[in-house]
Amino acid sequence: MLQLEQIQWQTDGSALLQCSNSEEVRILALSVTELSLYEGQQLSPDLLEQIQSAGRFREIYKKSLDLLAQREHSIWELRQKLRQRFTEFREVEPVLLQLEEQKFLCDERFSLNFVRSRMANRSWGAYRLRAELQQRGVAGQWIEQALASEVDESILREKAEALIRKSGLPKDLAAKRKLAQKLYRRGFSQELINQVLSQDPL
């Protein structure tokens, strides 16, 4: 039977396990305690599989942190990226759960930050913001909460008016319809579009 010959503690919070068959597996240091591992331990096939699973878990966990360090992700976004990279690994969902428990993943926070960022940097209306969050798999309750918290109707109006000025004031009905379609694609409500296009020249 295989034997766990050595446990080397690493500075990155992992542990390198060396087995008697020369196999090396790197796992999270916490997993050593969870699996009750010790040097000289006999490794049954079941325990060896648990160790290998812990190694896969660590690999996915590390990749997740790398992705989250680049930018915040919704749970759905991160799941899709991990499944593309680790197609055969069943440890993806447990990793996502741990990241949620550790508050590294949070759709509520993601929604708020997403809307806040887009309101500051993009000329988007509420409908576009909602659609973008839906495409990222965010639950409706977090989307509506973020929109209610971060979307200011007066700012939306200013953004719509700025787009009209940038595009040029419509000189006829056809131009006005074309501009209305542009605003609609940006996610502005029909009510707001009608208001800004029917007022005096901006």
Protein backbone atom coordinates (compact mmCIF):
# COMPACT_ATOMS: atom_id res chain seq x y z
CA MET A 1 0.00 0.00 0.00
CA LEU A 2 1.16 3.50 -0.75
CA GLN A 3 2.51 5.61 2.06
CA LEU A 4 2.55 9.35 2.67
CA GLU A 5 6.25 9.93 3.13
CA GLN A 6 6.50 13.67 3.64
CA ILE A 7 4.39 16.80 4.10
CA GLN A 8 6.15 20.00 3.11
CA TRP A 9 4.42 23.18 4.25
CA GLN A 10 4.60 25.97 1.68
CA THR A 11 4.59 29.73 2.20
CA ASP A 12 1.56 30.20 -0.08
CA GLY A 13 -0.81 28.38 2.26
CA SER A 14 -0.46 25.02 0.56
CA ALA A 15 1.20 21.72 1.45
CA LEU A 16 3.23 19.51 -0.87
CA LEU A 17 2.59 15.80 -0.26
CA GLN A 18 5.19 13.25 -1.32
CA CYS A 19 4.04 9.65 -1.67
CA SER A 20 6.11 6.47 -1.70
CA ASN A 21 5.48 6.02 -5.44
CA SER A 22 7.21 9.40 -6.07
CA GLU A 23 3.88 11.09 -6.79
CA GLU A 24 3.61 14.66 -5.52
CA VAL A 25 0.32 16.41 -4.85
CA ARG A 26 -0.06 20.02 -3.75
CA ILE A 27 -3.16 20.74 -1.68
CA LEU A 28 -4.42 23.54 0.54
CA ALA A 29 -2.84 23.41 3.98
CA LEU A 30 -6.34 23.31 5.47
CA SER A 31 -7.01 20.07 3.60
CA VAL A 32 -4.22 18.33 5.54
CA THR A 33 -6.24 18.84 8.71
CA GLU A 34 -9.56 18.05 7.06
CA LEU A 35 -8.21 14.72 5.76
CA SER A 36 -6.28 13.99 9.01
CA LEU A 37 -3.06 13.40 7.07
CA TYR A 38 0.29 12.65 8.69
CA GLU A 39 3.71 11.47 7.58
CA GLY A 40 4.06 7.70 7.45
CA GLN A 41 0.33 7.24 6.92
CA GLN A 42 -0.85 4.33 4.78
CA LEU A 43 -2.87 5.59 1.84
CA SER A 44 -5.87 3.52 0.88
CA PRO A 45 -7.25 3.95 -2.66
CA ASP A 46 -10.14 5.95 -1.23
CA LEU A 47 -7.86 8.28 0.74
CA LEU A 48 -5.55 8.70 -2.25
CA GLU A 49 -8.54 9.76 -4.38
CA GLN A 50 -9.51 12.28 -1.68
CA ILE A 51 -5.98 13.68 -1.75
CA GLN A 52 -6.02 13.94 -5.54
CA SER A 53 -9.41 15.64 -5.38
CA ALA A 54 -7.99 18.09 -2.84
CA GLY A 55 -5.17 18.77 -5.29
CA ARG A 56 -7.64 19.54 -8.06
CA PHE A 57 -9.60 21.74 -5.66
CA ARG A 58 -6.47 23.76 -4.88
CA GLU A 59 -5.65 24.17 -8.57
CA ILE A 60 -9.15 25.48 -9.35
CA TYR A 61 -9.17 27.66 -6.23
CA LYS A 62 -5.85 29.26 -7.18
CA LYS A 63 -7.03 29.94 -10.74
CA SER A 64 -10.23 31.48 -9.36
CA LEU A 65 -8.28 33.90 -7.18
CA ASP A 66 -6.12 34.84 -10.17
CA LEU A 67 -9.23 35.65 -12.22
CA LEU A 68 -10.85 37.57 -9.37
CA ALA A 69 -7.66 39.58 -8.89
CA GLN A 70 -8.03 40.86 -12.46
CA ARG A 71 -11.64 41.99 -11.97
CA GLU A 72 -14.75 41.09 -10.05
CA HIS A 73 -16.89 38.34 -11.60
CA SER A 74 -20.45 37.21 -11.13
CA ILE A 75 -20.79 33.63 -9.92
CA TRP A 76 -22.06 32.57 -13.35
CA GLU A 77 -19.15 34.24 -15.16
CA LEU A 78 -16.54 32.55 -13.00
CA ARG A 79 -18.30 29.19 -13.27
CA GLN A 80 -18.24 29.40 -17.07
CA LYS A 81 -14.54 30.24 -17.17
CA LEU A 82 -13.63 27.47 -14.76
CA ARG A 83 -15.71 24.88 -16.59
CA GLN A 84 -14.01 25.77 -19.86
CA ARG A 85 -10.59 25.31 -18.29
CA PHE A 86 -11.34 22.36 -15.99
CA THR A 87 -13.84 20.41 -18.08
CA GLU A 88 -13.37 17.07 -16.30
CA PHE A 89 -13.12 18.35 -12.74
CA ARG A 90 -16.09 17.96 -10.40
CA GLU A 91 -14.47 20.27 -7.84
CA VAL A 92 -15.59 23.48 -9.59
CA GLU A 93 -18.84 23.83 -7.63
CA PRO A 94 -17.23 23.21 -4.20
CA VAL A 95 -14.66 25.89 -5.04
CA LEU A 96 -17.41 28.36 -5.96
CA LEU A 97 -19.19 27.63 -2.69
CA GLN A 98 -16.04 28.26 -0.68
CA LEU A 99 -15.38 31.51 -2.52
CA GLU A 100 -18.92 32.63 -1.70
CA GLU A 101 -18.47 31.73 1.96
CA GLN A 102 -15.23 33.71 2.02
CA LYS A 103 -16.97 36.69 0.33
CA PHE A 104 -14.60 36.58 -2.64
CA LEU A 105 -17.69 35.97 -4.79
CA CYS A 106 -20.87 37.94 -4.19
CA ASP A 107 -23.49 38.71 -6.83
CA GLU A 108 -25.04 41.41 -4.67
CA ARG A 109 -21.73 43.29 -4.49
CA PHE A 110 -20.95 42.55 -8.14
CA SER A 111 -24.28 44.07 -9.27
CA LEU A 112 -23.78 47.25 -7.26
CA ASN A 113 -20.23 47.75 -8.52
CA PHE A 114 -21.20 46.93 -12.11
CA VAL A 115 -24.04 49.46 -12.19
CA ARG A 116 -21.96 52.09 -10.39
CA SER A 117 -19.11 51.66 -12.88
CA ARG A 118 -21.31 51.73 -15.96
CA MET A 119 -23.23 54.75 -14.72
CA ALA A 120 -19.92 56.57 -14.34
CA ASN A 121 -18.30 55.48 -17.59
CA ARG A 122 -20.99 54.50 -20.11
CA SER A 123 -24.02 56.19 -21.64
CA TRP A 124 -26.37 53.32 -20.81
CA GLY A 125 -29.92 53.36 -19.61
CA ALA A 126 -31.49 51.13 -16.98
CA TYR A 127 -32.76 48.57 -19.50
CA ARG A 128 -29.27 48.04 -20.90
CA LEU A 129 -27.81 47.73 -17.41
CA ARG A 130 -30.46 45.17 -16.50
CA ALA A 131 -29.85 43.16 -19.67
CA GLU A 132 -26.07 43.13 -19.15
CA LEU A 133 -26.45 41.81 -15.62
CA GLN A 134 -28.96 39.19 -16.75
CA GLN A 135 -26.44 38.00 -19.35
CA ARG A 136 -23.97 37.55 -16.51
CA GLY A 137 -26.39 35.27 -14.68
CA VAL A 138 -27.20 37.62 -11.82
CA ALA A 139 -30.46 36.99 -9.96
CA GLY A 140 -33.26 39.48 -10.47
CA GLN A 141 -33.37 40.58 -6.84
CA TRP A 142 -29.73 41.76 -6.95
CA ILE A 143 -30.24 43.49 -10.29
CA GLU A 144 -33.26 45.46 -9.12
CA GLN A 145 -31.57 46.31 -5.83
CA ALA A 146 -28.52 47.65 -7.66
CA LEU A 147 -30.59 49.67 -10.11
CA ALA A 148 -32.68 51.16 -7.31
CA SER A 149 -29.55 52.06 -5.38
CA GLU A 150 -27.30 53.39 -8.13
CA VAL A 151 -29.47 54.67 -11.00
CA ASP A 152 -30.47 58.31 -10.76
CA GLU A 153 -33.17 59.37 -13.22
CA SER A 154 -31.73 62.87 -13.49
CA ILE A 155 -28.34 61.43 -14.48
CA LEU A 156 -30.00 59.16 -17.04
CA ARG A 157 -31.69 62.19 -18.52
CA GLU A 158 -28.37 64.03 -18.69
CA LYS A 159 -26.76 61.06 -20.44
CA ALA A 160 -29.60 60.84 -22.97
CA GLU A 161 -29.38 64.57 -23.65
CA ALA A 162 -25.61 64.33 -24.08
CA LEU A 163 -26.06 61.57 -26.66
CA ILE A 164 -28.53 63.74 -28.56
CA ARG A 165 -26.10 66.67 -28.59
CA LYS A 166 -23.29 64.39 -29.74
CA SER A 167 -25.41 62.91 -32.53
CA GLY A 168 -26.78 66.26 -33.58
CA LEU A 169 -30.31 67.54 -33.13
CA PRO A 170 -32.75 65.73 -35.46
CA LYS A 171 -33.99 67.97 -38.25
CA ASP A 172 -36.95 65.87 -39.36
CA LEU A 173 -39.15 62.99 -38.25
CA ALA A 174 -36.96 60.32 -39.86
CA ALA A 175 -33.87 61.63 -38.07
CA LYS A 176 -35.78 61.77 -34.79
CA ARG A 177 -36.90 58.15 -35.17
CA LYS A 178 -33.34 57.06 -35.93
CA LEU A 179 -32.07 58.85 -32.84
CA ALA A 180 -34.85 57.36 -30.73
CA GLN A 181 -33.79 53.88 -31.87
CA LYS A 182 -30.20 54.64 -30.91
CA LEU A 183 -31.26 55.73 -27.43
CA TYR A 184 -33.45 52.66 -27.08
CA ARG A 185 -30.53 50.37 -27.97
CA ARG A 186 -28.54 52.09 -25.24
CA GLY A 187 -31.21 51.00 -22.78
CA PHE A 188 -33.11 54.21 -22.15
CA SER A 189 -36.83 53.91 -21.47
CA GLN A 190 -39.33 54.90 -24.12
CA GLU A 191 -40.80 57.43 -21.70
CA LEU A 192 -37.46 59.16 -21.20
CA ILE A 193 -36.71 59.08 -24.93
CA ASN A 194 -40.04 60.74 -25.70
CA GLN A 195 -39.37 63.40 -23.07
CA VAL A 196 -35.90 64.40 -24.23
CA LEU A 197 -36.82 64.37 -27.92
CA SER A 198 -39.95 66.45 -27.45
CA GLN A 199 -38.40 69.23 -25.37
CA ASP A 200 -36.90 72.47 -26.63
CA PRO A 201 -33.51 72.32 -28.38
CA LEU A 202 -30.81 71.23 -25.91
